[in-house]
Amino acid sequence: MLRIQSALPDRYTNAAPDDLDRMIEAAKATLGDRLFILGHHYQRDEVMRWADARGDSFRLSTLAQEHPEADYIVFCGVHFMAESADILTDDHQQVILPDLNAGCSMADMADIESVEEAWEVLERTTDIGRVVPITYMNSSAALKAFVGRNGGAVCTSTNARHVLEWAFTRGDKVLFFPDQHLGRNTGLAMGYGHEDMRVWNPRLDQGGLTDGDIRDAAFLLWKGHCSVHQRFRPEHVAAFRAEHPDGIVIAHPETSYEVCQVADKVGSTDFIIREVEAAPVGSTIAVATEIHLVQRLDAETPDKTVVSLDPLICPCSTMFRIDQAHLAWVLENLVAGNVVNRITVDPETTEWAKVALDRMLSLPGTGAVATPPPARATSPANVPVAIGAGGSMGRD
């Protein structure tokens, strides 16, 4: 998806970090309660320190919804997150993304045109009334609206199992996008086998599948992935265990099936945070997720050692685009009465996306629990992994 961010004035690009901090602090003080800054877990620390709340994408959007006094929601995250915030917040609230180039490669792997083409193929090939579309939260507002119009729902990495179980009460086939790994790992945990799954490649005619493949599959998994989480490999787990025999490996479900199989625990970002906090004092923990969160967990749990499972360390390059300079720029513009980089979702898309979100939230165990903003942004290997009600899966 093409997004164009204009170059910042020299006042910001040439400013020293301390000067940028002073700009941000002064702007926040001036705007007061009219401003609410959201910081995704993967943000760099110099940005996160200014966040009024931190969390995963959906939790932050719900927190924004709970602060109607804030006219300006500055989302330090990526494009689809800002869209979700705009969908959920009141009309008077304006959502701002500090850098328009902060997208999500996974979300961009499934665009509305490709998904609609796939749906047309399914209509010709199978009973479309038995196919339930499910989109991961990491997707555009257009895709959330698509599943809303077509009887599906949104899911998060925490509640994917609940949503998929619901889907199979309404049909016998799921089109799951954009992340194949979350769909596969969750489906296997539900008791389905690899033989029940096919990967839909949008670059190939009919997804690269035969009519029989389409009719036989319970899961049609979109060929998409997270550029960070795909880097983790079983060899990384083996190397960590060789160095730390008593160490703990925790993986995000966006990692491959092979990694999830050999990890000790698998779960969403919030699950990872809770597991690190609950680990015994003195533990050495390798985490398979984005490096900024890993480093923050290590700093905030000094009684444990938390490291990245991948020793080469790969940040989320698009999330990394949000920096002090862009944050200072948008805030000083707000003080001057200029709203820049506003993210808006049209009314029809918003209506159907809300339908998809409401379906998710109506299911037991799927509601996002909104927490108060922090004071400062400070299975045996061969046994199928199993996701629990809390969004975790792994070796018991």
Protein backbone atom coordinates (compact mmCIF):
# COMPACT_ATOMS: atom_id res chain seq x y z
CA MET A 1 0.00 0.00 0.00
CA LEU A 2 1.44 3.36 -1.05
CA ARG A 3 1.75 5.91 1.72
CA ILE A 4 3.74 9.10 1.39
CA GLN A 5 5.22 10.89 4.38
CA SER A 6 6.47 14.40 3.67
CA ALA A 7 9.98 15.28 4.78
CA LEU A 8 10.15 16.95 8.19
CA PRO A 9 11.40 20.54 8.55
CA ASP A 10 15.04 20.97 9.52
CA ARG A 11 13.91 22.15 12.96
CA TYR A 12 13.12 18.52 13.77
CA THR A 13 15.58 16.53 11.68
CA ASN A 14 18.56 18.57 12.93
CA ALA A 15 17.46 18.78 16.56
CA ALA A 16 19.38 17.02 19.31
CA PRO A 17 17.49 14.35 21.29
CA ASP A 18 17.29 16.59 24.38
CA ASP A 19 15.80 19.41 22.31
CA LEU A 20 13.19 17.05 20.86
CA ASP A 21 12.32 15.89 24.37
CA ARG A 22 11.76 19.51 25.42
CA MET A 23 9.48 20.10 22.42
CA ILE A 24 7.43 17.00 23.22
CA GLU A 25 7.21 17.79 26.92
CA ALA A 26 6.09 21.37 26.28
CA ALA A 27 3.48 20.31 23.72
CA LYS A 28 2.07 17.65 26.03
CA ALA A 29 1.79 20.15 28.85
CA THR A 30 -0.03 22.64 26.60
CA LEU A 31 -2.48 20.11 25.18
CA GLY A 32 -3.19 18.45 28.52
CA ASP A 33 -6.14 16.04 28.59
CA ARG A 34 -6.99 16.86 24.98
CA LEU A 35 -4.06 14.63 23.99
CA PHE A 36 -3.71 10.88 24.51
CA ILE A 37 -0.55 9.18 23.23
CA LEU A 38 -0.60 5.43 22.60
CA GLY A 39 2.62 3.40 22.43
CA HIS A 40 2.71 -0.08 20.95
CA HIS A 41 4.97 -2.59 22.71
CA TYR A 42 7.40 -2.63 19.78
CA GLN A 43 8.16 1.09 19.93
CA ARG A 44 11.65 2.33 20.67
CA ASP A 45 12.17 3.57 24.24
CA GLU A 46 12.70 7.24 23.37
CA VAL A 47 9.16 7.27 21.95
CA MET A 48 7.56 4.93 24.48
CA ARG A 49 8.60 7.13 27.40
CA TRP A 50 6.02 9.72 26.25
CA ALA A 51 3.14 7.27 25.90
CA ASP A 52 0.13 7.67 28.19
CA ALA A 53 -0.66 3.99 27.63
CA ARG A 54 1.20 1.07 26.17
CA GLY A 55 -0.03 -2.29 24.95
CA ASP A 56 -0.90 -4.30 21.86
CA SER A 57 -2.85 -2.78 19.01
CA PHE A 58 -6.40 -3.68 20.04
CA ARG A 59 -5.94 -2.92 23.72
CA LEU A 60 -4.64 0.52 22.84
CA SER A 61 -7.61 1.20 20.58
CA THR A 62 -10.03 0.26 23.35
CA LEU A 63 -8.14 2.50 25.77
CA ALA A 64 -8.49 5.38 23.34
CA GLN A 65 -12.22 4.67 23.23
CA GLU A 66 -12.33 5.00 27.01
CA HIS A 67 -10.83 8.51 26.91
CA PRO A 68 -13.50 10.63 25.15
CA GLU A 69 -12.02 13.77 26.70
CA ALA A 70 -9.03 13.39 24.36
CA ASP A 71 -9.59 15.22 21.09
CA TYR A 72 -6.30 13.94 19.67
CA ILE A 73 -5.21 10.30 19.72
CA VAL A 74 -1.58 10.05 18.65
CA PHE A 75 -0.91 6.39 17.86
CA CYS A 76 2.76 5.45 17.98
CA GLY A 77 2.31 2.23 16.05
CA VAL A 78 1.50 1.39 12.44
CA HIS A 79 -1.24 2.22 9.96
CA PHE A 80 -3.75 -0.57 10.64
CA MET A 81 -3.58 0.20 14.37
CA ALA A 82 -4.46 3.83 13.79
CA GLU A 83 -7.36 2.72 11.58
CA SER A 84 -8.70 0.50 14.36
CA ALA A 85 -8.50 3.41 16.79
CA ASP A 86 -10.43 5.63 14.38
CA ILE A 87 -13.10 2.93 13.98
CA LEU A 88 -13.60 2.60 17.74
CA THR A 89 -13.31 6.22 18.92
CA ASP A 90 -15.92 8.98 18.88
CA ASP A 91 -16.47 11.23 15.89
CA HIS A 92 -14.95 14.24 17.64
CA GLN A 93 -11.68 12.40 18.23
CA GLN A 94 -8.94 12.61 15.62
CA VAL A 95 -6.40 9.81 15.27
CA ILE A 96 -2.89 10.73 14.17
CA LEU A 97 -0.02 8.53 12.99
CA PRO A 98 3.33 10.33 13.44
CA ASP A 99 4.84 8.81 10.27
CA LEU A 100 2.56 7.74 7.41
CA ASN A 101 5.24 5.31 6.21
CA ALA A 102 4.79 3.24 9.38
CA GLY A 103 2.91 0.35 7.84
CA CYS A 104 2.86 -3.39 8.50
CA SER A 105 4.32 -5.78 5.93
CA MET A 106 2.04 -8.58 7.13
CA ALA A 107 -1.10 -6.46 6.85
CA ASP A 108 -0.06 -5.38 3.36
CA MET A 109 0.23 -9.04 2.24
CA ALA A 110 -3.57 -9.24 2.09
CA ASP A 111 -5.24 -6.38 0.23
CA ILE A 112 -8.96 -6.04 -0.35
CA GLU A 113 -8.73 -6.69 -4.10
CA SER A 114 -6.87 -9.99 -3.62
CA VAL A 115 -9.23 -11.15 -0.88
CA GLU A 116 -12.30 -10.34 -2.97
CA GLU A 117 -10.78 -12.26 -5.90
CA ALA A 118 -10.20 -15.26 -3.62
CA TRP A 119 -13.80 -15.05 -2.39
CA GLU A 120 -15.05 -15.10 -5.99
CA VAL A 121 -13.05 -18.27 -6.64
CA LEU A 122 -14.50 -19.88 -3.52
CA GLU A 123 -18.02 -18.95 -4.64
CA ARG A 124 -17.42 -20.84 -7.91
CA THR A 125 -15.73 -23.81 -6.26
CA THR A 126 -17.54 -24.59 -3.02
CA ASP A 127 -20.62 -23.72 -0.98
CA ILE A 128 -19.72 -20.17 0.01
CA GLY A 129 -22.41 -20.23 2.69
CA ARG A 130 -20.22 -22.70 4.59
CA VAL A 131 -17.07 -20.55 4.38
CA VAL A 132 -16.39 -18.13 7.24
CA PRO A 133 -13.78 -15.40 6.68
CA ILE A 134 -11.62 -14.51 9.68
CA THR A 135 -9.11 -11.69 9.66
CA TYR A 136 -6.37 -11.15 12.18
CA MET A 137 -6.36 -7.78 13.89
CA ASN A 138 -3.19 -7.03 11.91
CA SER A 139 -5.13 -6.13 8.78
CA SER A 140 -6.58 -3.09 7.09
CA ALA A 141 -9.96 -1.60 7.94
CA ALA A 142 -11.14 -2.69 4.48
CA LEU A 143 -10.51 -6.34 5.35
CA LYS A 144 -12.21 -6.01 8.71
CA ALA A 145 -15.23 -4.60 6.88
CA PHE A 146 -15.06 -7.46 4.34
CA VAL A 147 -15.38 -10.11 7.03
CA GLY A 148 -18.13 -8.11 8.69
CA ARG A 149 -20.17 -8.05 5.45
CA ASN A 150 -19.57 -11.74 4.80
CA GLY A 151 -20.49 -13.23 8.17
CA GLY A 152 -16.99 -13.41 9.64
CA ALA A 153 -15.12 -11.83 12.51
CA VAL A 154 -11.83 -10.35 13.60
CA CYS A 155 -9.47 -12.18 15.95
CA THR A 156 -6.41 -11.32 18.00
CA SER A 157 -3.50 -13.60 18.83
CA THR A 158 -5.03 -14.00 22.30
CA ASN A 159 -8.53 -15.01 21.25
CA ALA A 160 -7.91 -16.71 17.89
CA ARG A 161 -9.02 -20.09 19.20
CA HIS A 162 -12.32 -18.76 20.58
CA VAL A 163 -13.06 -17.02 17.28
CA LEU A 164 -12.17 -20.04 15.16
CA GLU A 165 -14.26 -22.35 17.33
CA TRP A 166 -17.17 -19.96 16.78
CA ALA A 167 -16.48 -19.94 13.03
CA PHE A 168 -16.77 -23.72 12.85
CA THR A 169 -20.23 -23.57 14.43
CA ARG A 170 -21.28 -21.47 11.44
CA GLY A 171 -19.53 -23.32 8.64
CA ASP A 172 -17.05 -26.05 7.83
CA LYS A 173 -14.34 -23.99 6.17
CA VAL A 174 -12.40 -20.90 7.22
CA LEU A 175 -10.55 -18.41 5.04
CA PHE A 176 -7.97 -17.03 7.46
CA PHE A 177 -5.80 -14.00 6.65
CA PRO A 178 -3.30 -12.44 6.59
CA ASP A 179 -0.99 -14.55 8.83
CA GLN A 180 -0.78 -18.23 7.94
CA HIS A 181 1.21 -19.12 11.08
CA LEU A 182 -1.34 -17.92 13.62
CA GLY A 183 -4.05 -19.77 11.71
CA ARG A 184 -2.03 -22.97 11.45
CA ASN A 185 -0.83 -22.99 15.05
CA THR A 186 -4.31 -22.33 16.36
CA GLY A 187 -5.95 -24.91 14.11
CA LEU A 188 -3.47 -27.59 15.14
CA ALA A 189 -4.10 -26.75 18.78
CA MET A 190 -7.81 -27.26 18.14
CA GLY A 191 -7.15 -30.82 16.96
CA TYR A 192 -7.06 -30.31 13.20
CA GLY A 193 -4.17 -31.80 11.25
CA HIS A 194 -1.85 -30.44 8.59
CA GLU A 195 -3.91 -32.43 6.07
CA ASP A 196 -6.89 -30.21 6.91
CA MET A 197 -5.02 -27.10 5.83
CA ARG A 198 -4.03 -25.51 2.53
CA VAL A 199 -2.06 -22.33 1.92
CA TRP A 200 -3.75 -19.81 -0.38
CA ASN A 201 -1.11 -18.00 -2.45
CA PRO A 202 -2.73 -14.83 -3.84
CA ARG A 203 -0.01 -14.55 -6.47
CA LEU A 204 -1.08 -17.80 -8.12
CA ASP A 205 -4.18 -18.65 -10.11
CA GLN A 206 -6.88 -20.03 -7.78
CA GLY A 207 -4.46 -19.57 -4.91
CA GLY A 208 -2.27 -22.32 -6.33
CA LEU A 209 -4.90 -24.90 -5.34
CA THR A 210 -7.03 -27.42 -7.18
CA ASP A 211 -10.79 -27.57 -6.84
CA GLY A 212 -10.30 -30.65 -4.68
CA ASP A 213 -7.86 -28.84 -2.40
CA ILE A 214 -10.37 -26.08 -1.84
CA ARG A 215 -13.27 -28.43 -1.17
CA ASP A 216 -11.27 -30.71 1.16
CA ALA A 217 -9.60 -28.04 3.31
CA ALA A 218 -11.04 -26.90 6.61
CA PHE A 219 -8.47 -24.08 6.78
CA LEU A 220 -7.51 -21.94 3.82
CA LEU A 221 -4.51 -20.04 5.18
CA TRP A 222 -3.44 -16.87 3.41
CA LYS A 223 0.22 -16.88 2.42
CA GLY A 224 1.26 -14.07 4.75
CA HIS A 225 3.65 -13.70 7.65
CA CYS A 226 5.33 -11.27 10.03
CA SER A 227 8.79 -10.28 8.77
CA VAL A 228 10.11 -10.32 12.35
CA HIS A 229 8.55 -13.53 13.64
CA GLN A 230 9.43 -15.56 10.54
CA ARG A 231 13.13 -15.14 11.38
CA PHE A 232 12.99 -17.42 14.41
CA ARG A 233 14.02 -21.00 13.72
CA PRO A 234 14.15 -24.29 15.66
CA GLU A 235 17.95 -24.07 15.44
CA HIS A 236 17.78 -20.93 17.59
CA VAL A 237 15.92 -22.91 20.24
CA ALA A 238 18.48 -25.72 20.12
CA ALA A 239 21.38 -23.26 20.44
CA PHE A 240 19.75 -21.52 23.40
CA ARG A 241 19.05 -24.80 25.19
CA ALA A 242 22.65 -25.93 24.64
CA GLU A 243 23.88 -22.79 26.40
CA HIS A 244 21.07 -22.59 28.98
CA PRO A 245 19.74 -26.12 29.74
CA ASP A 246 17.34 -24.75 32.35
CA GLY A 247 16.33 -21.74 30.26
CA ILE A 248 12.77 -20.96 29.19
CA VAL A 249 11.73 -20.36 25.57
CA ILE A 250 8.59 -18.28 24.94
CA ALA A 251 7.37 -17.73 21.38
CA HIS A 252 4.69 -15.61 19.76
CA PRO A 253 2.14 -17.62 17.72
CA GLU A 254 3.15 -15.68 14.59
CA THR A 255 6.31 -17.81 14.59
CA SER A 256 6.36 -21.01 12.56
CA TYR A 257 4.80 -24.28 13.68
CA GLU A 258 8.29 -25.78 13.96
CA VAL A 259 9.33 -23.12 16.49
CA CYS A 260 6.09 -23.38 18.46
CA GLN A 261 6.56 -27.13 18.72
CA VAL A 262 9.89 -26.82 20.55
CA ALA A 263 9.10 -23.70 22.63
CA ASP A 264 8.15 -24.08 26.29
CA LYS A 265 5.30 -21.61 26.02
CA VAL A 266 3.56 -19.85 23.16
CA GLY A 267 1.20 -16.93 23.37
CA SER A 268 0.31 -13.35 22.58
CA THR A 269 2.36 -10.30 23.50
CA ASP A 270 0.41 -9.82 26.73
CA PHE A 271 0.89 -13.51 27.52
CA ILE A 272 4.65 -13.18 26.98
CA ILE A 273 4.80 -10.22 29.35
CA ARG A 274 2.87 -12.08 32.04
CA GLU A 275 5.01 -15.21 31.69
CA VAL A 276 8.24 -13.25 32.02
CA GLU A 277 6.92 -11.53 35.12
CA ALA A 278 5.82 -14.87 36.62
CA ALA A 279 9.04 -16.76 35.84
CA PRO A 280 11.21 -17.77 38.81
CA VAL A 281 13.84 -15.32 39.99
CA GLY A 282 17.14 -16.00 38.25
CA SER A 283 15.51 -17.44 35.12
CA THR A 284 17.10 -17.00 31.72
CA ILE A 285 14.35 -16.53 29.16
CA ALA A 286 14.63 -16.46 25.37
CA VAL A 287 11.71 -14.68 23.74
CA ALA A 288 10.77 -15.04 20.07
CA THR A 289 9.29 -11.65 19.33
CA GLU A 290 10.31 -8.08 18.45
CA ILE A 291 13.55 -6.86 20.01
CA HIS A 292 12.30 -3.62 21.59
CA LEU A 293 9.81 -5.52 23.71
CA VAL A 294 12.45 -8.11 24.60
CA GLN A 295 14.92 -5.44 25.71
CA ARG A 296 12.22 -3.64 27.71
CA LEU A 297 11.26 -6.87 29.49
CA ASP A 298 14.91 -7.45 30.38
CA ALA A 299 15.23 -3.91 31.77
CA GLU A 300 11.99 -4.11 33.75
CA THR A 301 12.67 -7.54 35.29
CA PRO A 302 16.21 -7.13 36.68
CA ASP A 303 15.90 -10.38 38.67
CA LYS A 304 15.81 -12.33 35.38
CA THR A 305 17.75 -12.38 32.13
CA VAL A 306 15.60 -11.91 29.04
CA VAL A 307 17.18 -12.27 25.60
CA SER A 308 16.06 -12.48 22.00
CA LEU A 309 15.83 -16.02 20.66
CA ASP A 310 17.42 -14.74 17.44
CA PRO A 311 20.95 -13.56 18.27
CA LEU A 312 21.05 -11.35 15.14
CA ILE A 313 18.19 -9.22 16.54
CA CYS A 314 15.62 -7.95 14.06
CA PRO A 315 13.48 -4.91 14.89
CA CYS A 316 10.13 -4.19 13.28
CA SER A 317 11.46 -1.85 10.60
CA THR A 318 8.13 -0.14 9.92
CA MET A 319 7.34 0.40 13.61
CA PHE A 320 10.88 1.78 13.94
CA ARG A 321 9.93 4.69 11.66
CA ILE A 322 8.18 6.42 14.55
CA ASP A 323 10.84 8.51 16.28
CA GLN A 324 11.21 11.56 18.51
CA ALA A 325 11.37 13.92 15.54
CA HIS A 326 8.04 12.78 14.06
CA LEU A 327 6.36 12.79 17.46
CA ALA A 328 7.59 16.32 18.19
CA TRP A 329 6.44 17.46 14.74
CA VAL A 330 2.85 16.20 15.08
CA LEU A 331 2.52 17.53 18.65
CA GLU A 332 3.81 21.02 17.87
CA ASN A 333 1.44 21.14 14.91
CA LEU A 334 -1.46 20.28 17.22
CA VAL A 335 -0.45 23.10 19.55
CA ALA A 336 -0.51 25.42 16.52
CA GLY A 337 -3.97 24.17 15.56
CA ASN A 338 -2.85 22.01 12.63
CA VAL A 339 -3.83 18.35 12.48
CA VAL A 340 -1.29 16.47 10.36
CA ASN A 341 -1.22 12.79 9.41
CA ARG A 342 -4.80 12.19 10.43
CA ILE A 343 -6.00 8.63 9.78
CA THR A 344 -9.68 8.34 8.86
CA VAL A 345 -11.89 5.41 7.92
CA ASP A 346 -14.99 6.12 5.85
CA PRO A 347 -18.42 5.57 7.48
CA GLU A 348 -19.42 2.44 5.52
CA THR A 349 -16.10 0.70 6.18
CA THR A 350 -16.34 1.72 9.83
CA GLU A 351 -19.87 0.31 10.11
CA TRP A 352 -18.96 -3.15 8.76
CA ALA A 353 -15.63 -3.29 10.56
CA LYS A 354 -17.49 -2.66 13.81
CA VAL A 355 -19.80 -5.56 12.97
CA ALA A 356 -16.76 -7.84 12.69
CA LEU A 357 -15.25 -6.51 15.90
CA ASP A 358 -18.54 -6.79 17.77
CA ARG A 359 -18.87 -10.42 16.70
CA MET A 360 -15.47 -11.09 18.20
CA LEU A 361 -16.26 -9.26 21.42
CA SER A 362 -19.61 -11.00 21.82
CA LEU A 363 -17.91 -14.38 22.25
CA PRO A 364 -17.08 -15.59 25.78
CA GLY A 365 -13.43 -15.10 26.63
CA THR A 366 -12.63 -12.82 23.71
CA GLY A 367 -13.09 -9.36 25.19
CA ALA A 368 -10.01 -7.19 25.47
CA VAL A 369 -9.42 -6.15 29.06
CA ALA A 370 -8.52 -2.49 29.14
CA THR A 371 -6.01 -1.62 31.83
CA PRO A 372 -5.30 1.82 33.28
CA PRO A 373 -2.42 3.65 31.62
CA PRO A 374 0.89 3.03 33.37
CA ALA A 375 2.37 5.84 35.41
CA ARG A 376 5.09 5.97 32.78
CA ALA A 377 5.97 3.96 29.77
CA THR A 378 8.43 2.53 31.54
CA SER A 379 4.02 -29.63 25.34
CA PRO A 380 6.70 -32.35 24.75
CA ALA A 381 8.29 -31.37 21.44
CA ASN A 382 6.40 -34.01 19.47
CA VAL A 383 2.99 -33.31 21.00
CA PRO A 384 0.73 -30.80 19.23
CA VAL A 385 0.76 -27.41 20.90
CA ALA A 386 -2.43 -26.40 22.67
CA ILE A 387 -3.78 -22.90 23.07
CA GLY A 388 -5.52 -22.29 26.36
CA ALA A 389 -8.30 -19.90 27.15
CA GLY A 390 -5.77 -17.24 28.07
CA GLY A 391 -4.19 -17.30 24.66
CA SER A 392 -1.20 -19.43 25.60
CA MET A 393 -0.02 -22.61 24.11
CA GLY A 394 2.93 -24.82 24.74
CA ARG A 395 4.30 -27.67 26.75
CA ASP A 396 2.45 -28.33 29.99
